[in-house]
């Protein structure tokens, strides 16, 4: 499917240069790759948030404080 997008001249030039380096005539393939990568990163972020929400509240206050102290100790000794 064809569509029109507005790009700054600098981005268009970089896309054309990259396409030429790859031996491609246009930059549609590069834009498709970039969109797929973006969509996958969004999916991963949403999945991470879903998992985080699923465990929210599973630690008692005491367990949470102990874990926080342990993390602080690890960070202090990281050097």
PDB file of N, CA and C in Angstrom:
ATOM      1  N   UNK A   1       0.845  -1.172   0.000  1.00  0.00           N
ATOM      2  CA  UNK A   1       0.000   0.000   0.000  1.00  0.00           C
ATOM      3  C   UNK A   1       0.890   1.235   0.000  1.00  0.00           C
ATOM      4  N   UNK A   2       0.533   2.168  -0.770  1.00  0.00           N
ATOM      5  CA  UNK A   2       1.299   3.405  -0.839  1.00  0.00           C
ATOM      6  C   UNK A   2       0.666   4.442   0.088  1.00  0.00           C
ATOM      7  N   UNK A   3       1.527   5.246   0.666  1.00  0.00           N
ATOM      8  CA  UNK A   3       1.050   6.340   1.505  1.00  0.00           C
ATOM      9  C   UNK A   3       2.073   7.460   1.423  1.00  0.00           C
ATOM     10  N   UNK A   4       1.704   8.612   1.887  1.00  0.00           N
ATOM     11  CA  UNK A   4       2.598   9.768   1.855  1.00  0.00           C
ATOM     12  C   UNK A   4       2.885  10.200   3.285  1.00  0.00           C
ATOM     13  N   UNK A   5       4.161  10.437   3.563  1.00  0.00           N
ATOM     14  CA  UNK A   5       4.552  10.985   4.861  1.00  0.00           C
ATOM     15  C   UNK A   5       5.479  12.164   4.617  1.00  0.00           C
ATOM     16  N   UNK A   6       5.481  13.090   5.529  1.00  0.00           N
ATOM     17  CA  UNK A   6       6.380  14.237   5.444  1.00  0.00           C
ATOM     18  C   UNK A   6       7.616  13.951   6.276  1.00  0.00           C
ATOM     19  N   UNK A   7       8.781  14.126   5.664  1.00  0.00           N
ATOM     20  CA  UNK A   7      10.061  13.934   6.344  1.00  0.00           C
ATOM     21  C   UNK A   7      10.914  15.176   6.154  1.00  0.00           C
ATOM     22  N   UNK A   8      11.702  15.507   7.158  1.00  0.00           N
ATOM     23  CA  UNK A   8      12.685  16.567   6.947  1.00  0.00           C
ATOM     24  C   UNK A   8      13.680  16.119   5.866  1.00  0.00           C
ATOM     25  N   UNK A   9      14.217  17.074   5.141  1.00  0.00           N
ATOM     26  CA  UNK A   9      15.176  16.762   4.075  1.00  0.00           C
ATOM     27  C   UNK A   9      16.339  15.921   4.584  1.00  0.00           C
ATOM     28  N   UNK A  10      16.789  16.204   5.809  1.00  0.00           N
ATOM     29  CA  UNK A  10      17.940  15.461   6.340  1.00  0.00           C
ATOM     30  C   UNK A  10      17.609  13.985   6.534  1.00  0.00           C
ATOM     31  N   UNK A  11      16.402  13.684   7.027  1.00  0.00           N
ATOM     32  CA  UNK A  11      16.016  12.284   7.209  1.00  0.00           C
ATOM     33  C   UNK A  11      15.856  11.581   5.866  1.00  0.00           C
ATOM     34  N   UNK A  12      15.264  12.261   4.903  1.00  0.00           N
ATOM     35  CA  UNK A  12      15.098  11.668   3.573  1.00  0.00           C
ATOM     36  C   UNK A  12      16.460  11.363   2.964  1.00  0.00           C
ATOM     37  N   UNK A  13      17.395  12.291   3.108  1.00  0.00           N
ATOM     38  CA  UNK A  13      18.739  12.079   2.562  1.00  0.00           C
ATOM     39  C   UNK A  13      19.416  10.892   3.233  1.00  0.00           C
ATOM     40  N   UNK A  14      19.270  10.787   4.542  1.00  0.00           N
ATOM     41  CA  UNK A  14      19.875   9.649   5.255  1.00  0.00           C
ATOM     42  C   UNK A  14      19.239   8.330   4.831  1.00  0.00           C
ATOM     43  N   UNK A  15      17.925   8.333   4.653  1.00  0.00           N
ATOM     44  CA  UNK A  15      17.246   7.120   4.193  1.00  0.00           C
ATOM     45  C   UNK A  15      17.724   6.714   2.802  1.00  0.00           C
ATOM     46  N   UNK A  16      17.832   7.679   1.905  1.00  0.00           N
ATOM     47  CA  UNK A  16      18.298   7.373   0.552  1.00  0.00           C
ATOM     48  C   UNK A  16      19.734   6.864   0.561  1.00  0.00           C
ATOM     49  N   UNK A  17      20.581   7.456   1.395  1.00  0.00           N
ATOM     50  CA  UNK A  17      21.975   7.009   1.483  1.00  0.00           C
ATOM     51  C   UNK A  17      22.044   5.583   2.022  1.00  0.00           C
ATOM     52  N   UNK A  18      21.261   5.288   3.041  1.00  0.00           N
ATOM     53  CA  UNK A  18      21.246   3.941   3.605  1.00  0.00           C
ATOM     54  C   UNK A  18      20.724   2.936   2.583  1.00  0.00           C
ATOM     55  N   UNK A  19      19.680   3.308   1.872  1.00  0.00           N
ATOM     56  CA  UNK A  19      19.137   2.419   0.837  1.00  0.00           C
ATOM     57  C   UNK A  19      20.194   2.152  -0.232  1.00  0.00           C
ATOM     58  N   UNK A  20      20.927   3.182  -0.626  1.00  0.00           N
ATOM     59  CA  UNK A  20      21.976   3.008  -1.637  1.00  0.00           C
ATOM     60  C   UNK A  20      23.069   2.073  -1.129  1.00  0.00           C
ATOM     61  N   UNK A  21      23.451   2.220   0.144  1.00  0.00           N
ATOM     62  CA  UNK A  21      24.461   1.329   0.729  1.00  0.00           C
ATOM     63  C   UNK A  21      24.001  -0.122   0.689  1.00  0.00           C
ATOM     64  N   UNK A  22      22.708  -0.329   0.831  1.00  0.00           N
ATOM     65  CA  UNK A  22      22.148  -1.681   0.831  1.00  0.00           C
ATOM     66  C   UNK A  22      21.828  -2.179  -0.575  1.00  0.00           C
ATOM     67  N   UNK A  23      22.007  -1.317  -1.547  1.00  0.00           N
ATOM     68  CA  UNK A  23      21.702  -1.703  -2.919  1.00  0.00           C
ATOM     69  C   UNK A  23      20.215  -1.687  -3.230  1.00  0.00           C
ATOM     70  N   UNK A  24      19.460  -0.909  -2.481  1.00  0.00           N
ATOM     71  CA  UNK A  24      18.018  -0.804  -2.689  1.00  0.00           C
ATOM     72  C   UNK A  24      17.710   0.494  -3.422  1.00  0.00           C
ATOM     73  N   UNK A  25      16.679   0.472  -4.256  1.00  0.00           N
ATOM     74  CA  UNK A  25      16.323   1.661  -5.036  1.00  0.00           C
ATOM     75  C   UNK A  25      15.617   2.720  -4.192  1.00  0.00           C
ATOM     76  N   UNK A  26      14.757   2.296  -3.308  1.00  0.00           N
ATOM     77  CA  UNK A  26      14.015   3.234  -2.466  1.00  0.00           C
ATOM     78  C   UNK A  26      14.220   2.893  -1.004  1.00  0.00           C
ATOM     79  N   UNK A  27      13.521   3.614  -0.158  1.00  0.00           N
ATOM     80  CA  UNK A  27      13.710   3.382   1.273  1.00  0.00           C
ATOM     81  C   UNK A  27      12.489   2.763   1.950  1.00  0.00           C
ATOM     82  N   UNK A  28      11.556   2.240   1.177  1.00  0.00           N
ATOM     83  CA  UNK A  28      10.362   1.610   1.761  1.00  0.00           C
ATOM     84  C   UNK A  28      10.729   0.460   2.687  1.00  0.00           C
ATOM     85  N   UNK A  29      11.680  -0.365   2.276  1.00  0.00           N
ATOM     86  CA  UNK A  29      12.092  -1.501   3.100  1.00  0.00           C
ATOM     87  C   UNK A  29      12.655  -1.062   4.436  1.00  0.00           C
ATOM     88  N   UNK A  30      13.410   0.021   4.425  1.00  0.00           N
ATOM     89  CA  UNK A  30      14.004   0.536   5.663  1.00  0.00           C
ATOM     90  C   UNK A  30      12.906   1.064   6.590  1.00  0.00           C
ATOM     91  N   UNK A  31      11.948   1.776   6.028  1.00  0.00           N
ATOM     92  CA  UNK A  31      10.839   2.299   6.829  1.00  0.00           C
ATOM     93  C   UNK A  31      10.023   1.148   7.405  1.00  0.00           C
ATOM     94  N   UNK A  32       9.782   0.107   6.607  1.00  0.00           N
ATOM     95  CA  UNK A  32       9.048  -1.060   7.100  1.00  0.00           C
ATOM     96  C   UNK A  32       9.796  -1.724   8.252  1.00  0.00           C
ATOM     97  N   UNK A  33      11.116  -1.890   8.107  1.00  0.00           N
ATOM     98  CA  UNK A  33      11.926  -2.471   9.191  1.00  0.00           C
ATOM     99  C   UNK A  33      11.820  -1.638  10.456  1.00  0.00           C
ATOM    100  N   UNK A  34      11.937  -0.321  10.296  1.00  0.00           N
ATOM    101  CA  UNK A  34      11.883   0.577  11.453  1.00  0.00           C
ATOM    102  C   UNK A  34      10.527   0.480  12.147  1.00  0.00           C
ATOM    103  N   UNK A  35       9.461   0.416  11.373  1.00  0.00           N
ATOM    104  CA  UNK A  35       8.130   0.297  11.966  1.00  0.00           C
ATOM    105  C   UNK A  35       7.959  -1.032  12.683  1.00  0.00           C
ATOM    106  N   UNK A  36       8.423  -2.112  12.081  1.00  0.00           N
ATOM    107  CA  UNK A  36       8.320  -3.423  12.733  1.00  0.00           C
ATOM    108  C   UNK A  36       9.087  -3.434  14.049  1.00  0.00           C
ATOM    109  N   UNK A  37      10.289  -2.837  14.041  1.00  0.00           N
ATOM    110  CA  UNK A  37      11.081  -2.765  15.268  1.00  0.00           C
ATOM    111  C   UNK A  37      10.338  -1.940  16.327  1.00  0.00           C
ATOM    112  N   UNK A  38       9.796  -0.813  15.923  1.00  0.00           N
ATOM    113  CA  UNK A  38       9.051   0.042  16.847  1.00  0.00           C
ATOM    114  C   UNK A  38       7.850  -0.700  17.424  1.00  0.00           C
ATOM    115  N   UNK A  39       7.080  -1.376  16.568  1.00  0.00           N
ATOM    116  CA  UNK A  39       5.905  -2.113  17.040  1.00  0.00           C
ATOM    117  C   UNK A  39       6.301  -3.225  18.005  1.00  0.00           C
ATOM    118  N   UNK A  40       7.403  -3.921  17.720  1.00  0.00           N
ATOM    119  CA  UNK A  40       7.859  -4.994  18.606  1.00  0.00           C
ATOM    120  C   UNK A  40       8.305  -4.432  19.954  1.00  0.00           C
ATOM    121  N   UNK A  41       9.015  -3.302  19.940  1.00  0.00           N
ATOM    122  CA  UNK A  41       9.434  -2.674  21.195  1.00  0.00           C
ATOM    123  C   UNK A  41       8.222  -2.231  22.007  1.00  0.00           C
ATOM    124  N   UNK A  42       7.201  -1.698  21.342  1.00  0.00           N
ATOM    125  CA  UNK A  42       5.968  -1.310  22.033  1.00  0.00           C
ATOM    126  C   UNK A  42       5.308  -2.535  22.656  1.00  0.00           C
ATOM    127  N   UNK A  43       5.248  -3.642  21.909  1.00  0.00           N
ATOM    128  CA  UNK A  43       4.643  -4.868  22.411  1.00  0.00           C
ATOM    129  C   UNK A  43       5.392  -5.360  23.646  1.00  0.00           C
ATOM    130  N   UNK A  44       6.736  -5.302  23.594  1.00  0.00           N
ATOM    131  CA  UNK A  44       7.539  -5.747  24.735  1.00  0.00           C
ATOM    132  C   UNK A  44       7.316  -4.854  25.951  1.00  0.00           C
ATOM    133  N   UNK A  45       7.231  -3.542  25.738  1.00  0.00           N
ATOM    134  CA  UNK A  45       6.961  -2.619  26.850  1.00  0.00           C
ATOM    135  C   UNK A  45       5.602  -2.914  27.478  1.00  0.00           C
ATOM    136  N   UNK A  46       4.602  -3.113  26.628  1.00  0.00           N
ATOM    137  CA  UNK A  46       3.264  -3.408  27.142  1.00  0.00           C
ATOM    138  C   UNK A  46       3.250  -4.725  27.909  1.00  0.00           C
ATOM    139  N   UNK A  47       3.977  -5.720  27.419  1.00  0.00           N
ATOM    140  CA  UNK A  47       4.052  -7.012  28.105  1.00  0.00           C
ATOM    141  C   UNK A  47       4.752  -6.858  29.457  1.00  0.00           C
ATOM    142  N   UNK A  48       5.829  -6.079  29.501  1.00  0.00           N
ATOM    143  CA  UNK A  48       6.537  -5.847  30.760  1.00  0.00           C
ATOM    144  C   UNK A  48       5.621  -5.142  31.763  1.00  0.00           C
ATOM    145  N   UNK A  49       4.864  -4.165  31.296  1.00  0.00           N
ATOM    146  CA  UNK A  49       3.916  -3.478  32.185  1.00  0.00           C
ATOM    147  C   UNK A  49       2.834  -4.432  32.676  1.00  0.00           C
ATOM    148  N   UNK A  50       2.336  -5.287  31.794  1.00  0.00           N
ATOM    149  CA  UNK A  50       1.317  -6.253  32.184  1.00  0.00           C
ATOM    150  C   UNK A  50       1.847  -7.182  33.268  1.00  0.00           C
ATOM    151  N   UNK A  51       3.103  -7.658  33.080  1.00  0.00           N
ATOM    152  CA  UNK A  51       3.696  -8.553  34.077  1.00  0.00           C
ATOM    153  C   UNK A  51       3.916  -7.821  35.399  1.00  0.00           C
ATOM    154  N   UNK A  52       4.353  -6.568  35.325  1.00  0.00           N
ATOM    155  CA  UNK A  52       4.577  -5.793  36.550  1.00  0.00           C
ATOM    156  C   UNK A  52       3.266  -5.580  37.299  1.00  0.00           C
ATOM    157  N   UNK A  53       2.204  -5.272  36.558  1.00  0.00           N
ATOM    158  CA  UNK A  53       0.904  -5.078  37.206  1.00  0.00           C
ATOM    159  C   UNK A  53       0.393  -6.373  37.832  1.00  0.00           C
ATOM    160  N   UNK A  54       0.733  -7.496  37.208  1.00  0.00           N
ATOM    161  CA  UNK A  54       0.256  -8.791  37.707  1.00  0.00           C
ATOM    162  C   UNK A  54       0.862  -9.131  39.063  1.00  0.00           C
ATOM    163  N   UNK A  55       2.085  -8.662  39.335  1.00  0.00           N
ATOM    164  CA  UNK A  55       2.725  -8.993  40.609  1.00  0.00           C
ATOM    165  C   UNK A  55       2.577  -7.878  41.639  1.00  0.00           C
ATOM    166  N   UNK A  56       1.981  -6.766  41.244  1.00  0.00           N
ATOM    167  CA  UNK A  56       1.808  -5.645  42.162  1.00  0.00           C
ATOM    168  C   UNK A  56       1.044  -6.107  43.396  1.00  0.00           C
ATOM    169  N   UNK A  57       1.617  -5.827  44.554  1.00  0.00           N
ATOM    170  CA  UNK A  57       0.960  -6.166  45.805  1.00  0.00           C
ATOM    171  C   UNK A  57       1.187  -7.592  46.278  1.00  0.00           C
ATOM    172  N   UNK A  58       2.071  -8.336  45.617  1.00  0.00           N
ATOM    173  CA  UNK A  58       2.289  -9.723  46.039  1.00  0.00           C
ATOM    174  C   UNK A  58       3.290  -9.834  47.177  1.00  0.00           C
ATOM    175  N   UNK A  59       4.076  -8.785  47.432  1.00  0.00           N
ATOM    176  CA  UNK A  59       5.003  -8.787  48.566  1.00  0.00           C
ATOM    177  C   UNK A  59       4.355  -8.087  49.753  1.00  0.00           C
ATOM    178  N   UNK A  60       4.636  -8.599  50.928  1.00  0.00           N
ATOM    179  CA  UNK A  60       4.182  -7.897  52.133  1.00  0.00           C
ATOM    180  C   UNK A  60       5.057  -6.663  52.301  1.00  0.00           C
ATOM    181  N   UNK A  61       4.644  -5.757  53.169  1.00  0.00           N
ATOM    182  CA  UNK A  61       5.448  -4.557  53.416  1.00  0.00           C
ATOM    183  C   UNK A  61       6.844  -4.932  53.899  1.00  0.00           C
ATOM    184  N   UNK A  62       6.918  -5.927  54.770  1.00  0.00           N
ATOM    185  CA  UNK A  62       8.214  -6.355  55.310  1.00  0.00           C
ATOM    186  C   UNK A  62       9.100  -6.935  54.200  1.00  0.00           C
ATOM    187  N   UNK A  63       8.511  -7.757  53.339  1.00  0.00           N
ATOM    188  CA  UNK A  63       9.277  -8.338  52.229  1.00  0.00           C
ATOM    189  C   UNK A  63       9.764  -7.254  51.274  1.00  0.00           C
ATOM    190  N   UNK A  64       8.914  -6.279  51.011  1.00  0.00           N
ATOM    191  CA  UNK A  64       9.286  -5.189  50.116  1.00  0.00           C
ATOM    192  C   UNK A  64      10.432  -4.375  50.704  1.00  0.00           C
ATOM    193  N   UNK A  65      10.368  -4.086  51.996  1.00  0.00           N
ATOM    194  CA  UNK A  65      11.438  -3.330  52.653  1.00  0.00           C
ATOM    195  C   UNK A  65      12.742  -4.118  52.647  1.00  0.00           C
ATOM    196  N   UNK A  66      12.671  -5.424  52.901  1.00  0.00           N
ATOM    197  CA  UNK A  66      13.872  -6.268  52.890  1.00  0.00           C
ATOM    198  C   UNK A  66      14.481  -6.306  51.493  1.00  0.00           C
ATOM    199  N   UNK A  67      13.652  -6.408  50.484  1.00  0.00           N
ATOM    200  CA  UNK A  67      14.144  -6.422  49.108  1.00  0.00           C
ATOM    201  C   UNK A  67      14.790  -5.088  48.758  1.00  0.00           C
ATOM    202  N   UNK A  68      14.167  -4.000  49.169  1.00  0.00           N
ATOM    203  CA  UNK A  68      14.717  -2.677  48.905  1.00  0.00           C
ATOM    204  C   UNK A  68      16.082  -2.516  49.572  1.00  0.00           C
ATOM    205  N   UNK A  69      16.220  -2.966  50.808  1.00  0.00           N
ATOM    206  CA  UNK A  69      17.506  -2.903  51.513  1.00  0.00           C
ATOM    207  C   UNK A  69      18.559  -3.743  50.801  1.00  0.00           C
ATOM    208  N   UNK A  70      18.172  -4.916  50.357  1.00  0.00           N
ATOM    209  CA  UNK A  70      19.096  -5.802  49.649  1.00  0.00           C
ATOM    210  C   UNK A  70      19.595  -5.135  48.364  1.00  0.00           C
ATOM    211  N   UNK A  71      18.703  -4.508  47.635  1.00  0.00           N
ATOM    212  CA  UNK A  71      19.085  -3.813  46.399  1.00  0.00           C
ATOM    213  C   UNK A  71      20.029  -2.660  46.717  1.00  0.00           C
ATOM    214  N   UNK A  72      19.742  -1.906  47.778  1.00  0.00           N
ATOM    215  CA  UNK A  72      20.628  -0.808  48.175  1.00  0.00           C
ATOM    216  C   UNK A  72      22.015  -1.330  48.523  1.00  0.00           C
ATOM    217  N   UNK A  73      22.091  -2.444  49.254  1.00  0.00           N
ATOM    218  CA  UNK A  73      23.382  -3.051  49.596  1.00  0.00           C
ATOM    219  C   UNK A  73      24.138  -3.458  48.334  1.00  0.00           C
ATOM    220  N   UNK A  74      23.440  -4.057  47.403  1.00  0.00           N
ATOM    221  CA  UNK A  74      24.081  -4.464  46.147  1.00  0.00           C
ATOM    222  C   UNK A  74      24.630  -3.262  45.393  1.00  0.00           C
ATOM    223  N   UNK A  75      23.859  -2.191  45.356  1.00  0.00           N
ATOM    224  CA  UNK A  75      24.302  -0.985  44.643  1.00  0.00           C
ATOM    225  C   UNK A  75      25.521  -0.354  45.320  1.00  0.00           C
ATOM    226  N   UNK A  76      25.552  -0.379  46.658  1.00  0.00           N
ATOM    227  CA  UNK A  76      26.701   0.191  47.375  1.00  0.00           C
ATOM    228  C   UNK A  76      27.970  -0.608  47.094  1.00  0.00           C
ATOM    229  N   UNK A  77      27.847  -1.917  46.948  1.00  0.00           N
ATOM    230  CA  UNK A  77      29.038  -2.760  46.752  1.00  0.00           C
ATOM    231  C   UNK A  77      29.345  -3.009  45.276  1.00  0.00           C
ATOM    232  N   UNK A  78      28.647  -2.349  44.386  1.00  0.00           N
ATOM    233  CA  UNK A  78      28.778  -2.596  42.955  1.00  0.00           C
ATOM    234  C   UNK A  78      30.143  -2.181  42.408  1.00  0.00           C
ATOM    235  N   UNK A  79      30.803  -1.261  43.010  1.00  0.00           N
ATOM    236  CA  UNK A  79      32.055  -0.706  42.473  1.00  0.00           C
ATOM    237  C   UNK A  79      33.154  -1.641  42.626  1.00  0.00           C
TER     238      UNK A  79
END
